[in-house]
Amino acid sequence: MKVESIFICAFSLFSAFGFAQQKQDEKKQDSFKWKYTPNFTVGIDALNLGISFFGDRKLYQGFISSRINKRVHAVIDLGYDKNVYQKNGYDAKADGLFAKVGGFYMLTMDPENDLNGFYAGAKLAGSFYSQEYMAIPVKGQYSEGVTVAFDPSTQSSYWIEASLGARVQVFESNFFIDINVQPRYLAYTTKQDEITPMIVPGFGRSSGSFTMGISWSLAYRF
């Protein structure tokens, strides 16, 4: 009888300890459990929108971002770009849609408002557009400057884009000002008769693989 009492007492103690340990483990798992709360910030590039009224380039773009955790944000950019290239004997134009997908990481945050701060990020981008070359310089038989023209064609280009910027809340409202610079590298492009495009909507006007963009956006957080 004494042995049975000791066994029952020991079993009860082990069961209570195991139950308490299980509860403690569950509590630890809950503390590490990540939960996404739907949130969105929608912005429009006011800087390039304003410049479009005074120059050859017509660039209209905006973004949608969502905060994944305290420092990481996912972002999608969508836009339309129309531009001309008239330089060194070239006369070309292009227009089309582009999209960018990526994210950014908050490098520093305001201690009183963690939505304010500086960030760095990266995006993969693609553009689908139409282009037309009215004049491309070529050497003639006696080295005199002559040009040739090509029919309109549909092309696509893809690039990698970094971003470095800052986001600041406007007073106590849901509005934000977002400013960033975007170094870009053209990774791949289709070509018409082996001609490297001089204009890629969303990427910019450049005869090389590198270019730089800048945006000043007004955004609203839902």
Protein backbone atom coordinates (compact mmCIF):
# COMPACT_ATOMS: atom_id res chain seq x y z
CA MET A 1 0.00 0.00 0.00
CA LYS A 2 2.89 2.31 0.87
CA VAL A 3 4.58 1.55 -2.46
CA GLU A 4 1.40 2.34 -4.36
CA SER A 5 1.03 5.67 -2.55
CA ILE A 6 4.61 6.60 -3.36
CA PHE A 7 4.10 5.62 -7.02
CA ILE A 8 0.87 7.64 -7.29
CA CYS A 9 2.52 10.66 -5.65
CA ALA A 10 5.55 10.48 -7.96
CA PHE A 11 3.36 10.04 -11.05
CA SER A 12 1.26 13.05 -10.02
CA LEU A 13 4.37 15.20 -9.56
CA PHE A 14 5.83 14.17 -12.94
CA SER A 15 2.49 14.80 -14.66
CA ALA A 16 2.15 18.25 -13.10
CA PHE A 17 5.74 19.10 -14.06
CA GLY A 18 5.23 17.88 -17.63
CA PHE A 19 2.00 19.86 -17.99
CA ALA A 20 3.66 23.01 -16.65
CA GLN A 21 6.63 22.54 -19.01
CA GLN A 22 4.27 22.06 -21.97
CA LYS A 23 2.42 25.27 -21.10
CA GLN A 24 5.73 27.11 -20.82
CA ASP A 25 6.87 25.80 -24.24
CA GLU A 26 3.57 26.86 -25.83
CA LYS A 27 3.93 30.31 -24.32
CA LYS A 28 7.45 30.61 -25.76
CA GLN A 29 6.20 29.54 -29.19
CA ASP A 30 3.41 32.11 -29.04
CA SER A 31 5.91 34.84 -28.18
CA PHE A 32 7.88 34.01 -31.35
CA LYS A 33 4.80 33.61 -33.53
CA TRP A 34 4.67 36.22 -36.33
CA LYS A 35 1.32 37.62 -37.34
CA TYR A 36 0.75 39.89 -40.34
CA THR A 37 -1.87 42.61 -39.95
CA PRO A 38 -3.12 43.88 -43.34
CA ASN A 39 -1.93 47.43 -43.96
CA PHE A 40 -1.26 49.46 -47.10
CA THR A 41 0.38 52.72 -48.04
CA VAL A 42 -0.46 54.14 -51.47
CA GLY A 43 1.64 56.91 -53.00
CA ILE A 44 2.03 58.92 -56.20
CA ASP A 45 5.26 60.44 -57.52
CA ALA A 46 4.49 64.16 -57.39
CA LEU A 47 7.95 65.30 -58.56
CA ASN A 48 7.95 63.54 -61.94
CA LEU A 49 4.25 64.26 -62.39
CA GLY A 50 5.00 67.99 -62.13
CA ILE A 51 8.02 67.79 -64.44
CA SER A 52 5.87 66.04 -67.05
CA PHE A 53 3.98 69.28 -67.69
CA PHE A 54 7.16 71.11 -68.73
CA GLY A 55 9.37 68.55 -70.51
CA ASP A 56 9.43 65.88 -73.20
CA ARG A 57 9.19 63.07 -70.70
CA LYS A 58 5.73 62.10 -69.47
CA LEU A 59 6.24 59.92 -66.39
CA TYR A 60 3.30 58.87 -64.23
CA GLN A 61 4.04 56.39 -61.47
CA GLY A 62 2.84 55.30 -58.05
CA PHE A 63 3.45 52.60 -55.48
CA ILE A 64 1.70 50.35 -52.99
CA SER A 65 3.65 49.21 -49.94
CA SER A 66 2.80 47.04 -46.95
CA ARG A 67 4.62 46.73 -43.65
CA ILE A 68 5.57 43.07 -43.11
CA ASN A 69 7.16 43.58 -39.70
CA LYS A 70 8.67 46.44 -37.74
CA ARG A 71 11.50 47.07 -40.23
CA VAL A 72 10.63 45.24 -43.45
CA HIS A 73 8.21 46.62 -46.07
CA ALA A 74 7.11 45.03 -49.36
CA VAL A 75 6.48 47.38 -52.27
CA ILE A 76 5.08 47.33 -55.83
CA ASP A 77 5.55 50.21 -58.31
CA LEU A 78 3.37 50.71 -61.40
CA GLY A 79 3.68 53.40 -64.04
CA TYR A 80 3.55 54.74 -67.57
CA ASP A 81 6.46 56.50 -69.29
CA LYS A 82 6.70 58.33 -72.61
CA ASN A 83 9.98 59.89 -73.75
CA VAL A 84 12.10 60.97 -76.73
CA TYR A 85 15.80 60.69 -77.51
CA GLN A 86 17.34 63.29 -79.82
CA LYS A 87 21.09 63.26 -79.47
CA ASN A 88 24.20 62.51 -81.58
CA GLY A 89 22.12 62.08 -84.72
CA TYR A 90 19.54 59.80 -83.08
CA ASP A 91 15.85 60.60 -83.21
CA ALA A 92 13.75 58.08 -81.31
CA LYS A 93 10.67 57.82 -79.15
CA ALA A 94 9.21 55.18 -76.85
CA ASP A 95 6.26 54.73 -74.54
CA GLY A 96 4.85 51.94 -72.42
CA LEU A 97 4.03 50.47 -69.04
CA PHE A 98 6.45 49.27 -66.38
CA ALA A 99 6.28 47.49 -63.02
CA LYS A 100 8.67 46.95 -60.11
CA VAL A 101 8.46 44.43 -57.27
CA GLY A 102 10.63 44.37 -54.17
CA GLY A 103 10.96 45.72 -50.68
CA PHE A 104 12.98 47.87 -48.32
CA TYR A 105 14.45 47.69 -44.83
CA MET A 106 14.27 50.53 -42.31
CA LEU A 107 17.87 51.38 -41.42
CA THR A 108 16.96 53.97 -38.78
CA MET A 109 13.63 54.82 -37.16
CA ASP A 110 12.37 57.74 -35.14
CA PRO A 111 12.13 56.61 -31.46
CA GLU A 112 8.81 58.42 -31.11
CA ASN A 113 7.37 57.21 -34.44
CA ASP A 114 8.76 54.04 -36.00
CA LEU A 115 7.06 54.85 -39.31
CA ASN A 116 9.58 57.68 -39.86
CA GLY A 117 13.14 56.93 -40.88
CA PHE A 118 15.72 56.11 -43.53
CA TYR A 119 15.59 52.92 -45.57
CA ALA A 120 17.39 50.88 -48.23
CA GLY A 121 15.92 48.32 -50.58
CA ALA A 122 15.94 46.58 -53.94
CA LYS A 123 13.48 45.78 -56.73
CA LEU A 124 13.19 43.71 -59.88
CA ALA A 125 11.63 45.69 -62.72
CA GLY A 126 10.30 45.15 -66.21
CA SER A 127 8.97 47.36 -69.00
CA PHE A 128 6.79 46.49 -72.01
CA TYR A 129 6.74 49.26 -74.58
CA SER A 130 6.64 50.38 -78.19
CA GLN A 131 9.53 52.23 -79.80
CA GLU A 132 10.22 53.96 -83.11
CA TYR A 133 13.51 55.15 -84.60
CA MET A 134 13.05 57.98 -87.04
CA ALA A 135 16.80 58.42 -87.50
CA ILE A 136 19.87 56.37 -86.59
CA PRO A 137 23.29 57.62 -87.78
CA VAL A 138 25.34 55.28 -89.99
CA LYS A 139 28.47 55.76 -92.09
CA GLY A 140 27.93 56.19 -95.81
CA GLN A 141 30.17 55.06 -98.66
CA TYR A 142 32.38 58.14 -98.41
CA SER A 143 32.10 58.45 -94.59
CA GLU A 144 29.49 61.18 -94.85
CA GLY A 145 26.83 61.17 -92.13
CA VAL A 146 23.61 59.49 -93.20
CA THR A 147 20.72 58.14 -91.19
CA VAL A 148 18.30 55.25 -91.49
CA ALA A 149 14.82 54.80 -90.04
CA PHE A 150 13.04 51.75 -88.64
CA ASP A 151 9.40 50.83 -88.35
CA PRO A 152 7.72 50.92 -84.92
CA SER A 153 8.23 47.76 -82.88
CA THR A 154 7.28 46.27 -79.53
CA GLN A 155 10.10 45.53 -77.07
CA SER A 156 10.67 44.60 -73.42
CA SER A 157 13.46 45.34 -70.94
CA TYR A 158 14.33 44.19 -67.43
CA TRP A 159 16.53 45.75 -64.78
CA ILE A 160 17.63 45.62 -61.15
CA GLU A 161 17.00 48.70 -59.05
CA ALA A 162 18.30 49.72 -55.62
CA SER A 163 16.62 52.39 -53.52
CA LEU A 164 17.85 54.63 -50.74
CA GLY A 165 15.45 57.07 -49.17
CA ALA A 166 13.42 58.38 -46.27
CA ARG A 167 9.77 58.36 -45.23
CA VAL A 168 8.30 61.05 -42.95
CA GLN A 169 4.79 61.36 -41.54
CA VAL A 170 3.02 64.68 -42.13
CA PHE A 171 2.14 65.88 -38.60
CA GLU A 172 -0.41 63.50 -37.01
CA SER A 173 -2.17 62.61 -40.26
CA ASN A 174 -2.12 59.43 -42.36
CA PHE A 175 -0.12 61.24 -45.05
CA PHE A 176 3.58 60.66 -45.64
CA ILE A 177 6.32 62.19 -47.74
CA ASP A 178 8.57 59.58 -49.36
CA ILE A 179 11.82 60.59 -51.08
CA ASN A 180 14.30 58.17 -52.64
CA VAL A 181 17.04 57.79 -55.23
CA GLN A 182 17.23 54.69 -57.46
CA PRO A 183 20.48 53.45 -59.04
CA ARG A 184 19.51 51.11 -61.90
CA TYR A 185 21.27 48.41 -63.91
CA LEU A 186 19.76 47.14 -67.17
CA ALA A 187 20.08 43.36 -67.00
CA TYR A 188 18.37 42.30 -70.24
CA THR A 189 16.56 43.86 -73.19
CA THR A 190 15.13 42.72 -76.48
CA LYS A 191 16.50 44.50 -79.56
CA GLN A 192 15.28 45.58 -82.97
CA ASP A 193 17.93 44.66 -85.58
CA GLU A 194 20.56 44.43 -82.81
CA ILE A 195 20.04 48.10 -81.85
CA THR A 196 20.45 48.75 -78.13
CA PRO A 197 17.46 50.87 -77.00
CA MET A 198 18.21 54.49 -76.14
CA ILE A 199 14.98 54.83 -74.13
CA VAL A 200 13.38 52.31 -71.80
CA PRO A 201 10.15 53.45 -70.11
CA GLY A 202 10.60 53.31 -66.35
CA PHE A 203 14.35 52.85 -66.67
CA GLY A 204 15.19 56.16 -68.32
CA ARG A 205 17.00 57.67 -71.26
CA SER A 206 20.51 56.30 -71.53
CA SER A 207 22.86 54.73 -74.05
CA GLY A 208 24.48 52.66 -71.27
CA SER A 209 23.41 49.99 -68.78
CA PHE A 210 23.42 52.28 -65.74
CA THR A 211 21.17 55.19 -64.89
CA MET A 212 19.81 56.99 -61.84
CA GLY A 213 16.23 57.88 -60.91
CA ILE A 214 14.71 60.02 -58.19
CA SER A 215 11.17 60.36 -56.83
CA TRP A 216 9.35 62.59 -54.37
CA SER A 217 6.05 60.98 -53.46
CA LEU A 218 3.03 61.89 -51.41
CA ALA A 219 1.55 58.79 -49.79
CA TYR A 220 -1.47 57.85 -47.68
CA ARG A 221 -1.51 55.01 -45.15
CA PHE A 222 -4.73 52.99 -44.81
